[in-house]
Structure formats: C-alpha cells, structure tokens
Amino acid sequence: MKNAPRTARLLLTTLVVAGISLVAQAGIKSDRTLAAIISHTPAPRLVAEGRQLKTAETAAAAIPGAQAFWGIGRSMEPLYATNTAVVVKGIDYEQIKKGMTVVYLKSTGVRVAHTVVGETTGGYLVQGVNNNEEDAELITPDNFIGVVVQAYASADTAFRTDTEKRLVANGKVKLVART
C-alpha cells in the first residue's frame, strides 16, 4: 500500500464500520469498558462537512506507515458517526490494549473498525460500540491492520461527550484535553 499509486490508494480508503443497528445508544454498557474506550480511542476532531477524508489523508501522510480510511456504518455510533474518517497506524500486535479501536480484515475481505473489549487464547475480542455482541472473528496477528490514532468528523456525538463527563465525574477516567 505504501508504494501504491495515489489513485489505487484512494480506491482502498473506504472502511466499513460493520453492523447495522438503528439504536442511538451504545450496546456496550460496562463503565469499565467504556472508560477504556474513552481513554484509548481518540475523540474525533471536528472539520467542515466534506473535509473529513481529505483531512485524514493529510494527517496520515505525516505519520510513517499510517493510512486514512472512510468509516461507514452504524456499529461504532455513537462513539464515531458514519462518515467519520480515521487515521490508522500499525503497532506491534502485543501493544494492543482493551479500549483501543482497531482495524482488521475480516475473512470476507472487508476491513472493520471495532473496539477491543477483551482477550482470549486465540486473539483479541472486538465489538462495535453500538453492537450488543462481540464480533464472531478475533483479532489475530494475521488480520490486524492497525489502531485508530486520529479521527475526523463533521460533528461530535452527545454520547461521547456525555459518557466522558460522567466517567470523569465518577473518577473512572481523567479529563482528556481536545485539540
């Protein structure tokens, strides 16, 4: 991908944030898991509508080995709304932590961004924040692409800001400065 022509790279920038849920609240209810997500998954930086992917591509170009992806779907709502662009950077598989939002390649060939909610002997368990169940597939060294290090959206979600305020008030997470 690093040496791919720009046109080919742009064709590969769409990321399916899998799962279709019409519920406007998180499927993940555990304060411990939500605190890990707020601590290890970046809040979206707000940009003008239509500038999300371009801004993410510019940011990714400044980070060695990073890629920009366009997120579609509702499984990560309300943490990330559909049409949030993310910057994904490869890290050592052993550095994955609960609460990180990772991108992996499903056996069907679709890239998915979901949050790490646990670990088992076969790999890491992931789940869309808006999904009621963990994904059937585990994150393994073979399908792991990277971790979301930046996100760009045209609007923040009340869920993220409200959850962060509640967890800070309850001493579960420290206040995160946004830039």
N, C-alpha and C. Protein backbone atom coordinates (compact mmCIF):
# COMPACT_ATOMS: atom_id res chain seq x y z
N MET A 1 0.82 -1.18 0.00
CA MET A 1 0.00 0.00 0.00
C MET A 1 0.87 1.25 0.00
N LYS A 2 2.02 1.18 0.67
CA LYS A 2 2.91 2.33 0.79
C LYS A 2 3.32 2.85 -0.58
N ASN A 3 3.62 1.95 -1.51
CA ASN A 3 4.09 2.35 -2.83
C ASN A 3 2.99 2.36 -3.88
N ALA A 4 1.75 2.16 -3.46
CA ALA A 4 0.64 2.13 -4.41
C ALA A 4 0.41 3.52 -4.98
N PRO A 5 0.04 3.60 -6.26
CA PRO A 5 -0.29 4.90 -6.84
C PRO A 5 -1.43 5.54 -6.07
N ARG A 6 -1.45 6.86 -6.04
CA ARG A 6 -2.47 7.60 -5.28
C ARG A 6 -3.88 7.18 -5.68
N THR A 7 -4.14 6.99 -6.97
CA THR A 7 -5.47 6.60 -7.42
C THR A 7 -5.87 5.26 -6.82
N ALA A 8 -4.97 4.30 -6.85
CA ALA A 8 -5.27 2.99 -6.29
C ALA A 8 -5.49 3.10 -4.79
N ARG A 9 -4.67 3.92 -4.13
CA ARG A 9 -4.80 4.09 -2.68
C ARG A 9 -6.16 4.69 -2.33
N LEU A 10 -6.62 5.65 -3.13
CA LEU A 10 -7.91 6.28 -2.85
C LEU A 10 -9.05 5.29 -2.99
N LEU A 11 -8.92 4.34 -3.91
CA LEU A 11 -9.97 3.34 -4.06
C LEU A 11 -10.04 2.42 -2.85
N LEU A 12 -8.95 2.36 -2.09
CA LEU A 12 -8.91 1.48 -0.93
C LEU A 12 -9.19 2.19 0.39
N THR A 13 -9.65 3.44 0.33
CA THR A 13 -9.78 4.21 1.55
C THR A 13 -11.11 4.02 2.27
N THR A 14 -12.04 3.31 1.69
CA THR A 14 -13.32 3.14 2.36
C THR A 14 -13.22 2.00 3.36
N LEU A 15 -13.63 2.27 4.56
CA LEU A 15 -13.60 1.30 5.64
C LEU A 15 -15.02 1.05 6.07
N VAL A 16 -15.42 -0.18 6.08
CA VAL A 16 -16.76 -0.49 6.55
C VAL A 16 -16.71 -0.66 8.05
N VAL A 17 -17.48 0.16 8.72
CA VAL A 17 -17.64 0.01 10.16
C VAL A 17 -18.88 -0.87 10.27
N ALA A 18 -18.63 -2.16 10.35
CA ALA A 18 -19.66 -3.17 10.15
C ALA A 18 -20.76 -3.14 11.20
N GLY A 19 -21.88 -3.71 10.82
CA GLY A 19 -23.01 -3.84 11.72
C GLY A 19 -24.03 -2.77 11.42
N ILE A 20 -25.28 -3.17 11.46
CA ILE A 20 -26.34 -2.20 11.21
C ILE A 20 -27.25 -2.22 12.42
N SER A 21 -27.25 -1.14 13.14
CA SER A 21 -28.10 -1.02 14.32
C SER A 21 -28.81 0.31 14.25
N LEU A 22 -30.06 0.31 14.53
CA LEU A 22 -30.82 1.55 14.47
C LEU A 22 -30.97 2.18 15.84
N VAL A 23 -30.35 1.60 16.85
CA VAL A 23 -30.43 2.13 18.19
C VAL A 23 -29.43 3.27 18.34
N ALA A 24 -29.84 4.35 19.01
CA ALA A 24 -28.97 5.52 19.14
C ALA A 24 -28.19 5.51 20.44
N GLN A 25 -28.06 4.38 21.09
CA GLN A 25 -27.25 4.32 22.30
C GLN A 25 -26.33 3.11 22.22
N ALA A 26 -25.29 3.15 22.99
CA ALA A 26 -24.27 2.12 22.90
C ALA A 26 -24.78 0.76 23.33
N GLY A 27 -24.31 -0.28 22.61
CA GLY A 27 -24.58 -1.64 23.02
C GLY A 27 -23.68 -2.02 24.19
N ILE A 28 -22.48 -1.43 24.25
CA ILE A 28 -21.57 -1.67 25.36
C ILE A 28 -22.04 -0.83 26.54
N LYS A 29 -22.32 -1.47 27.65
CA LYS A 29 -22.87 -0.77 28.81
C LYS A 29 -21.89 -0.69 29.99
N SER A 30 -20.87 -1.53 30.01
CA SER A 30 -19.93 -1.59 31.14
C SER A 30 -19.14 -0.29 31.26
N ASP A 31 -19.21 0.34 32.45
CA ASP A 31 -18.43 1.56 32.69
C ASP A 31 -16.93 1.29 32.56
N ARG A 32 -16.48 0.12 32.96
CA ARG A 32 -15.06 -0.22 32.87
C ARG A 32 -14.62 -0.26 31.40
N THR A 33 -15.42 -0.90 30.57
CA THR A 33 -15.09 -0.97 29.14
C THR A 33 -15.20 0.40 28.49
N LEU A 34 -16.25 1.15 28.83
CA LEU A 34 -16.42 2.49 28.27
C LEU A 34 -15.27 3.41 28.69
N ALA A 35 -14.81 3.27 29.92
CA ALA A 35 -13.67 4.08 30.38
C ALA A 35 -12.42 3.74 29.58
N ALA A 36 -12.21 2.45 29.30
CA ALA A 36 -11.05 2.04 28.49
C ALA A 36 -11.17 2.61 27.08
N ILE A 37 -12.37 2.61 26.54
CA ILE A 37 -12.57 3.15 25.19
C ILE A 37 -12.29 4.65 25.17
N ILE A 38 -12.85 5.39 26.12
CA ILE A 38 -12.63 6.84 26.18
C ILE A 38 -11.14 7.14 26.36
N SER A 39 -10.44 6.31 27.13
CA SER A 39 -9.01 6.53 27.39
C SER A 39 -8.11 6.16 26.22
N HIS A 40 -8.50 5.16 25.42
CA HIS A 40 -7.60 4.63 24.39
C HIS A 40 -8.06 4.86 22.95
N THR A 41 -9.21 5.47 22.77
CA THR A 41 -9.71 5.74 21.42
C THR A 41 -9.86 7.24 21.28
N PRO A 42 -9.21 7.84 20.27
CA PRO A 42 -9.26 9.30 20.16
C PRO A 42 -10.64 9.83 19.80
N ALA A 43 -10.99 10.95 20.39
CA ALA A 43 -12.21 11.66 20.03
C ALA A 43 -12.03 12.24 18.64
N PRO A 44 -13.11 12.36 17.89
CA PRO A 44 -12.95 12.96 16.57
C PRO A 44 -12.64 14.45 16.66
N ARG A 45 -11.76 14.88 15.78
CA ARG A 45 -11.50 16.31 15.63
C ARG A 45 -12.54 16.82 14.63
N LEU A 46 -13.14 17.93 14.94
CA LEU A 46 -14.21 18.44 14.09
C LEU A 46 -13.66 19.23 12.91
N VAL A 47 -14.17 18.90 11.73
CA VAL A 47 -13.79 19.56 10.49
C VAL A 47 -15.07 19.85 9.71
N ALA A 48 -14.96 20.68 8.70
CA ALA A 48 -16.12 21.02 7.88
C ALA A 48 -16.63 19.77 7.15
N GLU A 49 -17.94 19.69 7.01
CA GLU A 49 -18.57 18.59 6.27
C GLU A 49 -17.92 18.49 4.89
N GLY A 50 -17.59 17.27 4.50
CA GLY A 50 -16.95 17.04 3.21
C GLY A 50 -15.43 17.09 3.26
N ARG A 51 -14.85 17.48 4.38
CA ARG A 51 -13.39 17.58 4.52
C ARG A 51 -12.81 16.44 5.36
N GLN A 52 -13.64 15.54 5.86
CA GLN A 52 -13.17 14.50 6.78
C GLN A 52 -12.06 13.65 6.18
N LEU A 53 -12.29 13.05 5.02
CA LEU A 53 -11.30 12.14 4.45
C LEU A 53 -10.05 12.89 3.99
N LYS A 54 -10.22 14.02 3.37
CA LYS A 54 -9.06 14.80 2.90
C LYS A 54 -8.17 15.18 4.09
N THR A 55 -8.79 15.59 5.20
CA THR A 55 -8.04 15.97 6.39
C THR A 55 -7.31 14.74 6.96
N ALA A 56 -8.00 13.60 6.99
CA ALA A 56 -7.38 12.37 7.48
C ALA A 56 -6.23 11.93 6.59
N GLU A 57 -6.38 12.07 5.28
CA GLU A 57 -5.30 11.70 4.36
C GLU A 57 -4.07 12.57 4.58
N THR A 58 -4.29 13.87 4.80
CA THR A 58 -3.18 14.78 5.07
C THR A 58 -2.48 14.40 6.37
N ALA A 59 -3.27 14.10 7.40
CA ALA A 59 -2.69 13.70 8.69
C ALA A 59 -1.93 12.38 8.56
N ALA A 60 -2.50 11.42 7.84
CA ALA A 60 -1.85 10.11 7.67
C ALA A 60 -0.53 10.24 6.93
N ALA A 61 -0.46 11.16 5.98
CA ALA A 61 0.76 11.35 5.21
C ALA A 61 1.92 11.82 6.09
N ALA A 62 1.59 12.45 7.21
CA ALA A 62 2.62 12.96 8.12
C ALA A 62 3.05 11.93 9.17
N ILE A 63 2.38 10.77 9.20
CA ILE A 63 2.69 9.73 10.18
C ILE A 63 3.23 8.51 9.43
N PRO A 64 4.47 8.15 9.65
CA PRO A 64 5.04 7.00 8.93
C PRO A 64 4.18 5.74 9.10
N GLY A 65 3.83 5.14 7.97
CA GLY A 65 3.08 3.89 7.98
C GLY A 65 1.59 4.02 8.22
N ALA A 66 1.08 5.23 8.36
CA ALA A 66 -0.36 5.42 8.64
C ALA A 66 -1.15 5.43 7.34
N GLN A 67 -2.43 5.11 7.47
CA GLN A 67 -3.37 5.12 6.35
C GLN A 67 -4.64 5.83 6.79
N ALA A 68 -5.33 6.43 5.84
CA ALA A 68 -6.62 7.05 6.12
C ALA A 68 -7.73 6.15 5.58
N PHE A 69 -8.81 6.04 6.35
CA PHE A 69 -9.96 5.25 5.93
C PHE A 69 -11.24 6.05 6.16
N TRP A 70 -12.21 5.82 5.33
CA TRP A 70 -13.52 6.44 5.43
C TRP A 70 -14.44 5.45 6.14
N GLY A 71 -15.01 5.85 7.25
CA GLY A 71 -15.85 4.95 8.03
C GLY A 71 -17.32 5.10 7.66
N ILE A 72 -17.93 3.98 7.32
CA ILE A 72 -19.36 3.96 7.06
C ILE A 72 -20.00 2.87 7.90
N GLY A 73 -21.23 3.05 8.24
CA GLY A 73 -21.95 2.09 9.06
C GLY A 73 -22.27 2.68 10.41
N ARG A 74 -23.03 1.94 11.21
CA ARG A 74 -23.52 2.49 12.47
C ARG A 74 -23.02 1.73 13.69
N SER A 75 -22.17 0.73 13.50
CA SER A 75 -21.76 -0.10 14.64
C SER A 75 -20.91 0.65 15.65
N MET A 76 -20.23 1.70 15.24
CA MET A 76 -19.40 2.46 16.17
C MET A 76 -20.11 3.72 16.68
N GLU A 77 -21.35 3.95 16.19
CA GLU A 77 -22.13 5.04 16.77
C GLU A 77 -22.55 4.58 18.15
N PRO A 78 -22.61 5.43 19.01
CA PRO A 78 -22.47 6.87 18.87
C PRO A 78 -21.06 7.39 19.17
N LEU A 79 -20.07 6.51 19.29
CA LEU A 79 -18.69 6.97 19.50
C LEU A 79 -18.19 7.71 18.27
N TYR A 80 -18.31 7.08 17.12
CA TYR A 80 -17.99 7.70 15.83
C TYR A 80 -19.21 7.58 14.94
N ALA A 81 -19.65 8.69 14.41
CA ALA A 81 -20.78 8.68 13.49
C ALA A 81 -20.31 8.16 12.13
N THR A 82 -21.26 7.66 11.33
CA THR A 82 -20.92 7.28 9.97
C THR A 82 -20.34 8.50 9.26
N ASN A 83 -19.45 8.27 8.33
CA ASN A 83 -18.73 9.33 7.60
C ASN A 83 -17.66 10.01 8.44
N THR A 84 -17.18 9.33 9.46
CA THR A 84 -16.00 9.78 10.19
C THR A 84 -14.80 9.16 9.49
N ALA A 85 -13.81 9.97 9.19
CA ALA A 85 -12.57 9.45 8.59
C ALA A 85 -11.58 9.21 9.72
N VAL A 86 -10.86 8.10 9.63
CA VAL A 86 -9.91 7.75 10.69
C VAL A 86 -8.52 7.57 10.10
N VAL A 87 -7.53 7.84 10.96
CA VAL A 87 -6.13 7.59 10.62
C VAL A 87 -5.73 6.35 11.42
N VAL A 88 -5.21 5.37 10.72
CA VAL A 88 -4.87 4.08 11.32
C VAL A 88 -3.37 3.87 11.17
N LYS A 89 -2.74 3.51 12.28
CA LYS A 89 -1.30 3.27 12.29
C LYS A 89 -1.05 1.86 12.80
N GLY A 90 -0.16 1.17 12.13
CA GLY A 90 0.24 -0.15 12.59
C GLY A 90 1.05 -0.05 13.87
N ILE A 91 0.79 -0.94 14.79
CA ILE A 91 1.57 -1.07 16.02
C ILE A 91 1.89 -2.55 16.20
N ASP A 92 2.81 -2.85 17.09
CA ASP A 92 3.09 -4.25 17.40
C ASP A 92 1.83 -4.88 17.99
N TYR A 93 1.50 -6.05 17.53
CA TYR A 93 0.32 -6.77 17.98
C TYR A 93 0.28 -6.88 19.50
N GLU A 94 1.41 -7.06 20.12
CA GLU A 94 1.49 -7.20 21.57
C GLU A 94 1.15 -5.90 22.32
N GLN A 95 1.12 -4.77 21.62
CA GLN A 95 0.81 -3.48 22.25
C GLN A 95 -0.68 -3.16 22.27
N ILE A 96 -1.49 -4.03 21.70
CA ILE A 96 -2.93 -3.80 21.69
C ILE A 96 -3.45 -3.82 23.13
N LYS A 97 -4.35 -2.86 23.44
CA LYS A 97 -4.94 -2.76 24.77
C LYS A 97 -6.45 -2.70 24.68
N LYS A 98 -7.09 -3.16 25.72
CA LYS A 98 -8.54 -3.05 25.82
C LYS A 98 -8.92 -1.57 25.70
N GLY A 99 -9.92 -1.31 24.88
CA GLY A 99 -10.39 0.06 24.68
C GLY A 99 -9.88 0.70 23.41
N MET A 100 -8.82 0.13 22.82
CA MET A 100 -8.33 0.68 21.55
C MET A 100 -9.32 0.32 20.44
N THR A 101 -9.49 1.24 19.53
CA THR A 101 -10.27 0.92 18.33
C THR A 101 -9.27 0.51 17.27
N VAL A 102 -9.44 -0.71 16.79
CA VAL A 102 -8.52 -1.30 15.83
C VAL A 102 -9.22 -1.54 14.51
N VAL A 103 -8.43 -1.66 13.47
CA VAL A 103 -8.95 -2.03 12.16
C VAL A 103 -8.38 -3.40 11.83
N TYR A 104 -9.26 -4.28 11.38
CA TYR A 104 -8.83 -5.62 11.00
C TYR A 104 -9.53 -6.04 9.73
N LEU A 105 -8.98 -7.05 9.08
CA LEU A 105 -9.52 -7.57 7.85
C LEU A 105 -10.31 -8.84 8.15
N LYS A 106 -11.62 -8.78 7.89
CA LYS A 106 -12.46 -9.96 8.11
C LYS A 106 -12.12 -11.03 7.07
N SER A 107 -12.52 -12.24 7.35
CA SER A 107 -12.27 -13.34 6.41
C SER A 107 -12.97 -13.11 5.08
N THR A 108 -13.97 -12.25 5.05
CA THR A 108 -14.68 -11.92 3.81
C THR A 108 -13.94 -10.87 2.98
N GLY A 109 -12.84 -10.32 3.53
CA GLY A 109 -12.08 -9.30 2.82
C GLY A 109 -12.49 -7.88 3.15
N VAL A 110 -13.43 -7.70 4.05
CA VAL A 110 -13.90 -6.37 4.45
C VAL A 110 -13.10 -5.87 5.64
N ARG A 111 -12.66 -4.62 5.58
CA ARG A 111 -11.98 -4.00 6.72
C ARG A 111 -13.03 -3.47 7.69
N VAL A 112 -12.78 -3.71 8.98
CA VAL A 112 -13.72 -3.30 10.02
C VAL A 112 -12.97 -2.57 11.13
N ALA A 113 -13.57 -1.51 11.63
CA ALA A 113 -13.03 -0.80 12.80
C ALA A 113 -13.96 -1.07 13.97
N HIS A 114 -13.46 -1.77 14.97
CA HIS A 114 -14.21 -2.04 16.19
C HIS A 114 -13.27 -1.92 17.38
N THR A 115 -13.84 -1.91 18.56
CA THR A 115 -13.08 -1.68 19.78
C THR A 115 -12.73 -2.97 20.49
N VAL A 116 -11.50 -3.05 20.99
CA VAL A 116 -11.06 -4.22 21.74
C VAL A 116 -11.77 -4.24 23.09
N VAL A 117 -12.46 -5.34 23.36
CA VAL A 117 -13.20 -5.47 24.62
C VAL A 117 -12.67 -6.60 25.51
N GLY A 118 -11.70 -7.35 25.01
CA GLY A 118 -11.14 -8.43 25.81
C GLY A 118 -10.10 -9.22 25.04
N GLU A 119 -9.57 -10.22 25.71
CA GLU A 119 -8.54 -11.07 25.11
C GLU A 119 -8.82 -12.52 25.47
N THR A 120 -8.54 -13.39 24.54
CA THR A 120 -8.69 -14.81 24.76
C THR A 120 -7.46 -15.51 24.18
N THR A 121 -7.35 -16.80 24.35
CA THR A 121 -6.17 -17.50 23.88
C THR A 121 -5.98 -17.39 22.37
N GLY A 122 -7.06 -17.22 21.61
CA GLY A 122 -6.95 -17.15 20.16
C GLY A 122 -6.73 -15.76 19.60
N GLY A 123 -6.87 -14.74 20.43
CA GLY A 123 -6.70 -13.37 19.95
C GLY A 123 -7.52 -12.38 20.77
N TYR A 124 -7.71 -11.21 20.21
CA TYR A 124 -8.47 -10.16 20.90
C TYR A 124 -9.92 -10.17 20.48
N LEU A 125 -10.80 -9.96 21.45
CA LEU A 125 -12.23 -9.83 21.20
C LEU A 125 -12.52 -8.38 20.86
N VAL A 126 -13.33 -8.14 19.83
CA VAL A 126 -13.70 -6.79 19.44
C VAL A 126 -15.21 -6.70 19.30
N GLN A 127 -15.68 -5.46 19.43
CA GLN A 127 -17.11 -5.22 19.35
C GLN A 127 -17.35 -3.80 18.88
N GLY A 128 -18.34 -3.61 18.05
CA GLY A 128 -18.79 -2.27 17.72
C GLY A 128 -19.46 -1.69 18.95
N VAL A 129 -19.19 -0.45 19.26
CA VAL A 129 -19.73 0.18 20.47
C VAL A 129 -21.26 0.11 20.47
N ASN A 130 -21.86 0.17 19.31
CA ASN A 130 -23.31 0.15 19.19
C ASN A 130 -23.88 -1.26 19.05
N ASN A 131 -23.01 -2.26 18.97
CA ASN A 131 -23.46 -3.64 18.82
C ASN A 131 -23.66 -4.28 20.18
N ASN A 132 -24.61 -5.19 20.25
CA ASN A 132 -24.89 -5.88 21.51
C ASN A 132 -24.00 -7.08 21.75
N GLU A 133 -23.29 -7.53 20.73
CA GLU A 133 -22.45 -8.71 20.87
C GLU A 133 -21.06 -8.48 20.28
N GLU A 134 -20.11 -9.24 20.76
CA GLU A 134 -18.75 -9.21 20.21
C GLU A 134 -18.78 -9.78 18.79
N ASP A 135 -17.79 -9.38 17.99
CA ASP A 135 -17.66 -9.92 16.64
C ASP A 135 -17.36 -11.42 16.72
N ALA A 136 -17.77 -12.15 15.72
CA ALA A 136 -17.51 -13.59 15.66
C ALA A 136 -16.02 -13.86 15.41
N GLU A 137 -15.36 -12.95 14.70
CA GLU A 137 -13.94 -13.12 14.40
C GLU A 137 -13.07 -12.42 15.44
N LEU A 138 -11.95 -13.03 15.74
CA LEU A 138 -10.98 -12.45 16.67
C LEU A 138 -9.94 -11.66 15.91
N ILE A 139 -9.29 -10.70 16.59
CA ILE A 139 -8.14 -10.01 16.02
C ILE A 139 -6.93 -10.90 16.28
N THR A 140 -6.22 -11.21 15.22
CA THR A 140 -5.01 -12.04 15.30
C THR A 140 -3.88 -11.28 14.59
N PRO A 141 -2.66 -11.74 14.76
CA PRO A 141 -1.56 -11.08 14.02
C PRO A 141 -1.77 -11.12 12.51
N ASP A 142 -2.50 -12.11 12.02
CA ASP A 142 -2.71 -12.26 10.58
C ASP A 142 -3.74 -11.30 9.99
N ASN A 143 -4.72 -10.84 10.78
CA ASN A 143 -5.75 -9.97 10.22
C ASN A 143 -5.71 -8.54 10.78
N PHE A 144 -4.81 -8.27 11.70
CA PHE A 144 -4.70 -6.96 12.33
C PHE A 144 -4.04 -5.97 11.38
N ILE A 145 -4.69 -4.83 11.16
CA ILE A 145 -4.15 -3.77 10.29
C ILE A 145 -3.51 -2.67 11.12
N GLY A 146 -4.20 -2.20 12.14
CA GLY A 146 -3.64 -1.13 12.96
C GLY A 146 -4.67 -0.56 13.92
N VAL A 147 -4.27 0.50 14.59
CA VAL A 147 -5.10 1.13 15.61
C VAL A 147 -5.46 2.54 15.16
N VAL A 148 -6.67 2.97 15.50
CA VAL A 148 -7.11 4.33 15.17
C VAL A 148 -6.34 5.30 16.07
N VAL A 149 -5.61 6.23 15.45
CA VAL A 149 -4.83 7.22 16.20
C VAL A 149 -5.40 8.62 16.08
N GLN A 150 -6.23 8.86 15.07
CA GLN A 150 -6.90 10.14 14.89
C GLN A 150 -8.22 9.89 14.18
N ALA A 151 -9.17 10.78 14.39
CA ALA A 151 -10.46 10.69 13.71
C ALA A 151 -10.92 12.09 13.36
N TYR A 152 -11.64 12.19 12.26
CA TYR A 152 -12.14 13.48 11.78
C TYR A 152 -13.60 13.34 11.40
N ALA A 153 -14.43 14.17 12.01
CA ALA A 153 -15.87 14.13 11.77
C ALA A 153 -16.40 15.54 11.63
N SER A 154 -17.57 15.66 11.03
CA SER A 154 -18.17 16.98 10.89
C SER A 154 -18.97 17.36 12.13
N ALA A 155 -19.21 16.38 13.02
CA ALA A 155 -19.92 16.67 14.27
C ALA A 155 -19.53 15.63 15.31
N ASP A 156 -19.46 16.04 16.56
CA ASP A 156 -19.20 15.10 17.65
C ASP A 156 -20.55 14.51 18.06
N THR A 157 -20.50 13.45 18.82
CA THR A 157 -21.74 12.85 19.28
C THR A 157 -21.95 13.18 20.75
N ALA A 158 -23.19 13.35 21.12
CA ALA A 158 -23.51 13.64 22.52
C ALA A 158 -23.09 12.46 23.40
N PHE A 159 -23.16 11.24 22.87
CA PHE A 159 -22.79 10.06 23.65
C PHE A 159 -21.36 10.17 24.16
N ARG A 160 -20.43 10.46 23.27
CA ARG A 160 -19.03 10.50 23.67
C ARG A 160 -18.81 11.58 24.72
N THR A 161 -19.29 12.78 24.47
CA THR A 161 -19.07 13.87 25.42
C THR A 161 -19.79 13.61 26.74
N ASP A 162 -21.01 13.11 26.69
CA ASP A 162 -21.76 12.82 27.92
C ASP A 162 -21.12 11.67 28.70
N THR A 163 -20.70 10.62 27.99
CA THR A 163 -20.07 9.47 28.65
C THR A 163 -18.76 9.90 29.29
N GLU A 164 -17.97 10.69 28.57
CA GLU A 164 -16.70 11.16 29.10
C GLU A 164 -16.94 12.00 30.37
N LYS A 165 -17.89 12.91 30.33
CA LYS A 165 -18.19 13.75 31.51
C LYS A 165 -18.61 12.89 32.70
N ARG A 166 -19.47 11.89 32.44
CA ARG A 166 -19.95 11.02 33.52
C ARG A 166 -18.80 10.20 34.11
N LEU A 167 -17.94 9.66 33.26
CA LEU A 167 -16.83 8.84 33.74
C LEU A 167 -15.80 9.69 34.47
N VAL A 168 -15.58 10.92 34.03
CA VAL A 168 -14.67 11.83 34.73
C VAL A 168 -15.25 12.17 36.10
N ALA A 169 -16.54 12.49 36.15
CA ALA A 169 -17.20 12.83 37.42
C ALA A 169 -17.15 11.67 38.41
N ASN A 170 -17.20 10.44 37.90
CA ASN A 170 -17.16 9.26 38.76
C ASN A 170 -15.73 8.77 39.03
N GLY A 171 -14.74 9.51 38.54
CA GLY A 171 -13.35 9.15 38.78
C GLY A 171 -12.86 7.96 37.97
N LYS A 172 -13.59 7.59 36.91
CA LYS A 172 -13.21 6.42 36.10
C LYS A 172 -12.14 6.76 35.06
N VAL A 173 -12.14 8.01 34.57
CA VAL A 173 -11.13 8.46 33.61
C VAL A 173 -10.74 9.89 33.94
N LYS A 174 -9.56 10.27 33.48
CA LYS A 174 -9.10 11.65 33.64
C LYS A 174 -9.60 12.47 32.46
N LEU A 175 -9.83 13.74 32.69
CA LEU A 175 -10.29 14.63 31.64
C LEU A 175 -9.28 14.65 30.51
N VAL A 176 -9.77 14.46 29.29
CA VAL A 176 -8.93 14.41 28.12
C VAL A 176 -8.98 15.77 27.41
N ALA A 177 -7.83 16.39 27.22
CA ALA A 177 -7.79 17.66 26.51
C ALA A 177 -7.95 17.41 25.02
N ARG A 178 -8.83 18.16 24.38
CA ARG A 178 -9.07 18.02 22.95
C ARG A 178 -8.38 19.14 22.22
N THR A 179 -7.82 18.78 21.06
CA THR A 179 -7.16 19.79 20.24
C THR A 179 -7.84 19.91 18.90
